Amino acid sequence: MSPEERRKAAPPVLIQPGDLADLVVRMLTGDDLAGRVAVWPDGETWRLLPATSAWHAG
């Protein structure tokens, strides 16, 4: 992949490390979040997948 192709493929806004760390801490310390899966699409806020999702272990 050329540098130009990489530049075009990059999201317009990157998730900031501190924001990601906040989500990780919340997922690790929230008893109600055990086994849940969070997704954070480019340019959006994070959200939990429904507990009935195929990706949910419970």
Protein backbone atom coordinates (compact mmCIF):
# COMPACT_ATOMS: atom_id res chain seq x y z
CA MET A 1 0.00 0.00 0.00
CA SER A 2 1.44 3.34 -0.98
CA PRO A 3 1.65 6.26 1.47
CA GLU A 4 -1.16 7.96 -0.46
CA GLU A 5 -3.39 4.87 -0.18
CA ARG A 6 -2.69 4.64 3.57
CA ARG A 7 -3.53 8.32 4.00
CA LYS A 8 -6.84 7.88 2.15
CA ALA A 9 -7.73 4.78 4.20
CA ALA A 10 -7.15 6.47 7.56
CA PRO A 11 -10.23 7.63 9.49
CA PRO A 12 -10.70 11.42 9.63
CA VAL A 13 -10.56 11.44 13.43
CA LEU A 14 -8.64 8.95 15.53
CA ILE A 15 -9.88 7.73 18.90
CA GLN A 16 -7.79 9.45 21.54
CA PRO A 17 -5.79 7.17 23.85
CA GLY A 18 -7.31 8.74 26.98
CA ASP A 19 -10.84 8.17 25.69
CA LEU A 20 -10.03 4.55 24.91
CA ALA A 21 -8.46 4.12 28.35
CA ASP A 22 -11.63 5.51 29.98
CA LEU A 23 -13.72 2.91 28.14
CA VAL A 24 -11.34 0.11 29.13
CA VAL A 25 -11.50 1.12 32.81
CA ARG A 26 -15.29 1.29 32.64
CA MET A 27 -15.51 -2.15 31.01
CA LEU A 28 -13.13 -3.67 33.57
CA THR A 29 -14.71 -2.14 36.67
CA GLY A 30 -18.41 -2.26 35.77
CA ASP A 31 -19.88 -5.45 37.19
CA ASP A 32 -22.87 -5.00 34.90
CA LEU A 33 -20.54 -4.99 31.88
CA ALA A 34 -18.93 -8.40 32.46
CA GLY A 35 -18.92 -10.36 29.22
CA ARG A 36 -20.23 -7.44 27.18
CA VAL A 37 -18.66 -6.22 23.94
CA ALA A 38 -18.17 -2.56 23.09
CA VAL A 39 -17.69 -1.30 19.54
CA TRP A 40 -16.39 2.13 18.57
CA PRO A 41 -16.83 2.83 14.85
CA ASP A 42 -14.84 5.66 13.27
CA GLY A 43 -16.39 9.06 13.92
CA GLU A 44 -18.98 7.73 16.38
CA THR A 45 -19.23 7.20 20.11
CA TRP A 46 -18.77 3.75 21.54
CA ARG A 47 -21.74 1.52 22.22
CA LEU A 48 -22.40 -1.90 23.65
CA LEU A 49 -23.54 -4.69 21.40
CA PRO A 50 -26.91 -6.06 22.49
CA ALA A 51 -26.66 -8.89 25.01
CA THR A 52 -28.53 -11.03 22.47
CA SER A 53 -25.85 -10.47 19.82
CA ALA A 54 -24.09 -13.47 18.30
CA TRP A 55 -20.87 -12.04 19.78
CA HIS A 56 -22.19 -12.10 23.34
CA ALA A 57 -20.95 -15.07 25.34
CA GLY A 58 -23.88 -15.17 27.74
